[in-house]
């Protein structure tokens, strides 16, 4: 059901500083910071050719990224995102198998403007999973 790894998301206290490390130290191509108010984060994408790293800085105190950084002040891996061909089919199949879909269970546009869903980390060995329609 899942396709390729779309990205690994890393929560960071300062997205500009983190982007500089990936660009200047590691030699990666990085995007400009992009505020995503609907997701409570400012994002930068690090292009790795075959996948991406998504750097996430909280956008406001009520952001889930702010909550994550309160527990992990230096930052860390927040979630992994896999592509699926049909997000509704994937959602229904996962729910039928007992997986919990976060929020209201309805796909919403992600940072790439494609439909996304998040799956409860307790159902996936402690890892928050994002599904994005390819």
Protein backbone atom coordinates (compact mmCIF):
# COMPACT_ATOMS: atom_id res chain seq x y z
CA UNK A 1 0.00 0.00 0.00
CA UNK A 2 2.67 2.57 0.91
CA UNK A 3 4.88 3.89 -1.83
CA UNK A 4 8.14 5.72 -1.69
CA UNK A 5 9.40 7.73 1.26
CA UNK A 6 8.36 11.30 0.50
CA UNK A 7 10.17 12.99 3.39
CA UNK A 8 11.45 12.80 6.93
CA UNK A 9 10.30 15.75 9.03
CA UNK A 10 12.61 17.20 11.65
CA UNK A 11 11.34 19.69 14.23
CA UNK A 12 13.87 22.47 14.86
CA UNK A 13 13.88 25.56 17.08
CA UNK A 14 15.16 27.78 14.21
CA UNK A 15 14.41 26.76 10.63
CA UNK A 16 16.77 29.36 9.10
CA UNK A 17 19.67 28.13 11.24
CA UNK A 18 18.85 24.49 10.48
CA UNK A 19 18.59 25.21 6.75
CA UNK A 20 22.03 26.85 6.85
CA UNK A 21 23.52 23.68 8.35
CA UNK A 22 22.04 21.53 5.58
CA UNK A 23 23.04 24.04 2.87
CA UNK A 24 26.45 25.23 4.08
CA UNK A 25 27.79 22.25 6.02
CA UNK A 26 26.21 19.35 4.11
CA UNK A 27 26.00 21.01 0.68
CA UNK A 28 22.29 20.35 0.18
CA UNK A 29 19.81 22.39 -1.84
CA UNK A 30 17.24 23.99 0.47
CA UNK A 31 14.05 25.90 -0.22
CA UNK A 32 13.15 29.28 1.21
CA UNK A 33 11.22 29.20 4.50
CA UNK A 34 7.51 28.81 3.85
CA UNK A 35 4.96 29.68 6.57
CA UNK A 36 2.18 27.09 6.78
CA UNK A 37 -0.38 28.60 9.20
CA UNK A 38 -2.83 25.71 8.71
CA UNK A 39 -0.12 23.33 9.96
CA UNK A 40 1.30 25.58 12.67
CA UNK A 41 4.80 25.55 11.23
CA UNK A 42 7.29 27.27 9.00
CA UNK A 43 8.84 24.70 6.67
CA UNK A 44 12.01 24.40 4.66
CA UNK A 45 12.51 21.49 2.28
CA UNK A 46 15.95 19.97 1.83
CA UNK A 47 16.11 18.29 -1.59
CA UNK A 48 18.02 15.01 -1.56
CA UNK A 49 17.14 13.96 -5.10
CA UNK A 50 15.33 10.74 -4.20
CA UNK A 51 13.52 12.16 -1.14
CA UNK A 52 13.39 15.26 1.07
CA UNK A 53 13.99 16.41 4.61
CA UNK A 54 11.27 18.73 5.89
CA UNK A 55 12.52 21.14 8.57
CA UNK A 56 9.70 22.36 10.83
CA UNK A 57 9.78 25.40 13.10
CA UNK A 58 6.71 26.13 15.24
CA UNK A 59 4.51 28.93 14.02
CA UNK A 60 2.98 30.09 17.29
CA UNK A 61 2.83 28.70 20.80
CA UNK A 62 -0.15 26.41 20.11
CA UNK A 63 1.63 24.55 17.33
CA UNK A 64 2.08 20.80 17.75
CA UNK A 65 5.69 21.46 16.74
CA UNK A 66 6.04 23.78 19.77
CA UNK A 67 4.74 20.95 21.98
CA UNK A 68 7.27 18.56 20.43
CA UNK A 69 10.13 21.03 21.00
CA UNK A 70 9.04 21.55 24.63
CA UNK A 71 9.79 17.85 25.13
CA UNK A 72 12.82 17.85 22.79
CA UNK A 73 14.41 21.33 22.99
CA UNK A 74 17.22 20.57 20.53
CA UNK A 75 14.73 19.21 17.98
CA UNK A 76 14.49 15.79 16.41
CA UNK A 77 12.64 13.57 13.99
CA UNK A 78 8.95 14.46 14.13
CA UNK A 79 7.43 12.15 11.49
CA UNK A 80 8.01 10.20 8.32
CA UNK A 81 5.86 10.65 5.24
CA UNK A 82 5.02 7.90 2.77
CA UNK A 83 3.24 8.32 -0.53
CA UNK A 84 0.04 6.41 -1.30
CA UNK A 85 -1.80 6.20 -4.60
CA UNK A 86 -5.27 6.75 -3.11
CA UNK A 87 -5.42 8.38 0.31
CA UNK A 88 -9.08 7.46 0.88
CA UNK A 89 -8.46 3.80 0.07
CA UNK A 90 -5.38 3.80 2.32
CA UNK A 91 -7.33 5.46 5.15
CA UNK A 92 -10.21 3.02 4.93
CA UNK A 93 -7.94 -0.01 4.78
CA UNK A 94 -5.85 1.16 7.73
CA UNK A 95 -8.92 1.95 9.84
CA UNK A 96 -10.36 -1.49 9.04
CA UNK A 97 -7.10 -2.98 10.33
CA UNK A 98 -7.38 -1.01 13.57
CA UNK A 99 -5.01 1.89 12.86
CA UNK A 100 -6.04 5.27 14.26
CA UNK A 101 -6.19 8.26 11.94
CA UNK A 102 -5.55 11.53 13.76
CA UNK A 103 -7.89 14.52 13.61
CA UNK A 104 -11.29 14.09 12.02
CA UNK A 105 -10.02 11.39 9.65
CA UNK A 106 -10.53 13.51 6.56
CA UNK A 107 -7.55 14.29 4.30
CA UNK A 108 -6.46 17.92 4.20
CA UNK A 109 -3.96 19.75 1.99
CA UNK A 110 -0.37 19.40 3.15
CA UNK A 111 2.63 21.64 2.53
CA UNK A 112 2.87 20.22 -1.02
CA UNK A 113 -0.86 21.01 -1.53
CA UNK A 114 -1.64 17.30 -1.85
CA UNK A 115 -4.05 15.47 0.48
CA UNK A 116 -2.45 14.17 3.69
CA UNK A 117 -3.40 12.22 6.82
CA UNK A 118 -1.51 11.41 10.01
CA UNK A 119 -1.58 8.05 11.76
CA UNK A 120 -1.28 7.61 15.51
CA UNK A 121 2.31 6.86 16.57
CA UNK A 122 1.20 4.25 19.12
CA UNK A 123 0.01 2.10 16.22
CA UNK A 124 3.38 2.32 14.42
CA UNK A 125 6.11 1.58 16.97
CA UNK A 126 6.15 5.12 18.34
CA UNK A 127 6.52 6.80 14.94
CA UNK A 128 4.11 9.47 13.71
CA UNK A 129 3.28 8.53 10.09
CA UNK A 130 2.06 10.96 7.47
CA UNK A 131 0.46 9.66 4.31
CA UNK A 132 0.45 11.88 1.23
CA UNK A 133 -1.44 11.14 -1.95
CA UNK A 134 1.08 10.79 -4.80
